[in-house]
C-alpha atoms as a PDB file:
ATOM      1  CA  MET A   1      62.604  58.972 114.603  1.00  0.00           C
ATOM      2  CA  ALA A   2      63.934  62.506 114.930  1.00  0.00           C
ATOM      3  CA  LYS A   3      64.643  63.855 118.392  1.00  0.00           C
ATOM      4  CA  THR A   4      62.307  66.498 119.732  1.00  0.00           C
ATOM      5  CA  LEU A   5      62.356  69.024 122.540  1.00  0.00           C
ATOM      6  CA  LYS A   6      59.405  69.864 124.778  1.00  0.00           C
ATOM      7  CA  ILE A   7      59.649  73.579 125.506  1.00  0.00           C
ATOM      8  CA  THR A   8      57.417  75.184 128.142  1.00  0.00           C
ATOM      9  CA  LEU A   9      57.118  78.909 128.800  1.00  0.00           C
ATOM     10  CA  VAL A  10      57.305  79.267 132.603  1.00  0.00           C
ATOM     11  CA  LYS A  11      58.011  82.986 132.991  1.00  0.00           C
ATOM     12  CA  SER A  12      56.170  85.911 131.445  1.00  0.00           C
ATOM     13  CA  THR A  13      57.655  87.795 128.516  1.00  0.00           C
ATOM     14  CA  ILE A  14      56.151  91.102 129.689  1.00  0.00           C
ATOM     15  CA  GLY A  15      59.407  92.378 131.185  1.00  0.00           C
ATOM     16  CA  ALA A  16      61.635  90.716 128.599  1.00  0.00           C
ATOM     17  CA  ILE A  17      63.495  92.659 125.953  1.00  0.00           C
ATOM     18  CA  PRO A  18      61.704  92.728 122.582  1.00  0.00           C
ATOM     19  CA  LYS A  19      64.204  90.368 120.925  1.00  0.00           C
ATOM     20  CA  HIS A  20      63.507  87.676 123.557  1.00  0.00           C
ATOM     21  CA  ARG A  21      59.762  88.205 123.261  1.00  0.00           C
ATOM     22  CA  ALA A  22      59.999  87.722 119.489  1.00  0.00           C
ATOM     23  CA  THR A  23      62.059  84.557 119.965  1.00  0.00           C
ATOM     24  CA  ALA A  24      59.392  83.077 122.260  1.00  0.00           C
ATOM     25  CA  ILE A  25      56.686  83.848 119.702  1.00  0.00           C
ATOM     26  CA  ALA A  26      58.784  82.320 116.910  1.00  0.00           C
ATOM     27  CA  LEU A  27      59.023  79.107 118.941  1.00  0.00           C
ATOM     28  CA  GLY A  28      55.219  79.099 119.245  1.00  0.00           C
ATOM     29  CA  LEU A  29      55.126  80.115 122.917  1.00  0.00           C
ATOM     30  CA  THR A  30      52.382  82.710 123.184  1.00  0.00           C
ATOM     31  CA  LYS A  31      50.987  82.096 126.685  1.00  0.00           C
ATOM     32  CA  MET A  32      52.317  81.086 130.086  1.00  0.00           C
ATOM     33  CA  GLN A  33      52.562  77.320 130.700  1.00  0.00           C
ATOM     34  CA  LYS A  34      52.137  76.569 126.992  1.00  0.00           C
ATOM     35  CA  THR A  35      54.202  73.618 125.807  1.00  0.00           C
ATOM     36  CA  VAL A  36      55.348  73.043 122.249  1.00  0.00           C
ATOM     37  CA  GLU A  37      57.395  70.294 120.643  1.00  0.00           C
ATOM     38  CA  GLN A  38      60.141  71.367 118.284  1.00  0.00           C
ATOM     39  CA  GLN A  39      62.769  69.394 116.403  1.00  0.00           C
ATOM     40  CA  ASP A  40      66.115  69.158 118.154  1.00  0.00           C
ATOM     41  CA  ASN A  41      68.475  71.037 115.866  1.00  0.00           C
ATOM     42  CA  VAL A  42      71.080  73.770 116.151  1.00  0.00           C
ATOM     43  CA  ALA A  43      68.703  76.623 115.290  1.00  0.00           C
ATOM     44  CA  ILE A  44      66.119  75.645 117.912  1.00  0.00           C
ATOM     45  CA  ARG A  45      68.843  75.039 120.522  1.00  0.00           C
ATOM     46  CA  GLY A  46      70.169  78.542 119.873  1.00  0.00           C
ATOM     47  CA  MET A  47      66.717  80.073 120.288  1.00  0.00           C
ATOM     48  CA  VAL A  48      66.153  78.147 123.518  1.00  0.00           C
ATOM     49  CA  ASN A  49      69.573  79.182 124.805  1.00  0.00           C
ATOM     50  CA  GLN A  50      68.697  82.824 124.184  1.00  0.00           C
ATOM     51  CA  ILE A  51      65.547  82.640 126.334  1.00  0.00           C
ATOM     52  CA  SER A  52      66.683  79.946 128.762  1.00  0.00           C
ATOM     53  CA  HIS A  53      65.639  82.122 131.717  1.00  0.00           C
ATOM     54  CA  LEU A  54      62.017  82.040 130.479  1.00  0.00           C
ATOM     55  CA  VAL A  55      61.575  78.365 129.534  1.00  0.00           C
ATOM     56  CA  ASN A  56      61.932  74.788 130.741  1.00  0.00           C
ATOM     57  CA  VAL A  57      63.209  72.257 128.231  1.00  0.00           C
ATOM     58  CA  GLU A  58      62.797  68.472 128.253  1.00  0.00           C
ATOM     59  CA  GLU A  59      64.128  66.049 125.692  1.00  0.00           C
ATOM     60  CA  ALA A  60      61.299  63.930 124.321  1.00  0.00           C
END
């Protein structure tokens, strides 16, 4: 079974720079407290690292 990450948006993207807002949307995080599961790979890790101040990440 492939590893997955549970990513939860915990801070609003209203004050974020547009690039970070677009990254959150690309991950599927459109609303506060929304949680999505994504595959654990280098691309997703890079996106999460870019918006680490906006999200909580758990390994599932």
